[in-house]
Amino acid sequence: MKPSLKFVILIVLIIFSFIIHILGLMNLIPLLITAPILFLSLLIFFYSLGNRKRFRGFKS
């Protein structure tokens, strides 16, 4: 089964934000910038993962 493009983009975003956060842990970029970016990318990923199979009512 082929993963949808949305989840591939979100996983790439998480990997990118994790690398940026590692740079923040090495004090190259402020952690006040990198931590919210990583948090938001994880939040968006898990929100979209949990919102996939939700019952949206009967269509008339």
C-alpha atoms as a PDB file:
ATOM      1  CA  MET A   1       0.000   0.000   0.000  1.00  0.00           C
ATOM      2  CA  LYS A   2       1.428   3.345  -1.075  1.00  0.00           C
ATOM      3  CA  PRO A   3       1.538   6.062   1.622  1.00  0.00           C
ATOM      4  CA  SER A   4      -0.189   9.285   0.746  1.00  0.00           C
ATOM      5  CA  LEU A   5       1.795  12.363  -0.132  1.00  0.00           C
ATOM      6  CA  LYS A   6       0.539  14.200   2.958  1.00  0.00           C
ATOM      7  CA  PHE A   7       2.155  11.738   5.359  1.00  0.00           C
ATOM      8  CA  VAL A   8       5.406  11.688   3.396  1.00  0.00           C
ATOM      9  CA  ILE A   9       5.599  15.484   3.585  1.00  0.00           C
ATOM     10  CA  LEU A  10       4.845  15.426   7.319  1.00  0.00           C
ATOM     11  CA  ILE A  11       7.549  12.824   7.994  1.00  0.00           C
ATOM     12  CA  VAL A  12      10.072  14.880   5.996  1.00  0.00           C
ATOM     13  CA  LEU A  13       9.027  17.928   8.051  1.00  0.00           C
ATOM     14  CA  ILE A  14       9.596  16.009  11.293  1.00  0.00           C
ATOM     15  CA  ILE A  15      13.046  14.853  10.161  1.00  0.00           C
ATOM     16  CA  PHE A  16      13.972  18.387   9.099  1.00  0.00           C
ATOM     17  CA  SER A  17      12.776  19.901  12.376  1.00  0.00           C
ATOM     18  CA  PHE A  18      14.629  17.199  14.340  1.00  0.00           C
ATOM     19  CA  ILE A  19      17.885  18.082  12.564  1.00  0.00           C
ATOM     20  CA  ILE A  20      17.269  21.770  13.273  1.00  0.00           C
ATOM     21  CA  HIS A  21      16.606  20.882  16.928  1.00  0.00           C
ATOM     22  CA  ILE A  22      19.898  18.973  17.129  1.00  0.00           C
ATOM     23  CA  LEU A  23      21.612  22.143  15.917  1.00  0.00           C
ATOM     24  CA  GLY A  24      19.791  23.979  18.672  1.00  0.00           C
ATOM     25  CA  LEU A  25      21.067  21.507  21.257  1.00  0.00           C
ATOM     26  CA  MET A  26      24.604  22.259  20.036  1.00  0.00           C
ATOM     27  CA  ASN A  27      23.904  25.964  20.707  1.00  0.00           C
ATOM     28  CA  LEU A  28      24.160  26.936  17.039  1.00  0.00           C
ATOM     29  CA  ILE A  29      20.498  28.011  16.869  1.00  0.00           C
ATOM     30  CA  PRO A  30      18.468  29.191  19.886  1.00  0.00           C
ATOM     31  CA  LEU A  31      16.386  26.464  21.495  1.00  0.00           C
ATOM     32  CA  LEU A  32      13.485  28.898  21.871  1.00  0.00           C
ATOM     33  CA  ILE A  33      13.128  28.748  18.093  1.00  0.00           C
ATOM     34  CA  THR A  34      13.791  25.055  17.454  1.00  0.00           C
ATOM     35  CA  ALA A  35      11.704  23.481  20.222  1.00  0.00           C
ATOM     36  CA  PRO A  36       8.347  24.955  19.086  1.00  0.00           C
ATOM     37  CA  ILE A  37       9.085  23.981  15.483  1.00  0.00           C
ATOM     38  CA  LEU A  38       9.663  20.361  16.488  1.00  0.00           C
ATOM     39  CA  PHE A  39       6.605  20.389  18.747  1.00  0.00           C
ATOM     40  CA  LEU A  40       4.334  21.821  16.059  1.00  0.00           C
ATOM     41  CA  SER A  41       5.517  19.378  13.411  1.00  0.00           C
ATOM     42  CA  LEU A  42       4.877  16.429  15.758  1.00  0.00           C
ATOM     43  CA  LEU A  43       1.502  17.883  16.761  1.00  0.00           C
ATOM     44  CA  ILE A  44       0.381  18.272  13.147  1.00  0.00           C
ATOM     45  CA  PHE A  45       1.541  14.734  12.319  1.00  0.00           C
ATOM     46  CA  PHE A  46      -0.270  13.071  15.225  1.00  0.00           C
ATOM     47  CA  TYR A  47      -3.380  15.197  14.718  1.00  0.00           C
ATOM     48  CA  SER A  48      -3.626  14.150  11.079  1.00  0.00           C
ATOM     49  CA  LEU A  49      -2.865  10.538  12.002  1.00  0.00           C
ATOM     50  CA  GLY A  50      -5.714  10.438  14.504  1.00  0.00           C
ATOM     51  CA  ASN A  51      -8.155  12.345  12.318  1.00  0.00           C
ATOM     52  CA  ARG A  52      -8.053   9.929   9.364  1.00  0.00           C
ATOM     53  CA  LYS A  53     -10.778   7.431  10.191  1.00  0.00           C
ATOM     54  CA  ARG A  54     -13.284   9.626  11.959  1.00  0.00           C
ATOM     55  CA  PHE A  55     -16.996   9.087  11.408  1.00  0.00           C
ATOM     56  CA  ARG A  56     -18.358  12.164   9.663  1.00  0.00           C
ATOM     57  CA  GLY A  57     -22.017  11.207   9.557  1.00  0.00           C
ATOM     58  CA  PHE A  58     -24.320   9.709   7.015  1.00  0.00           C
ATOM     59  CA  LYS A  59     -24.518  11.358   3.611  1.00  0.00           C
ATOM     60  CA  SER A  60     -28.015  12.007   2.386  1.00  0.00           C
END
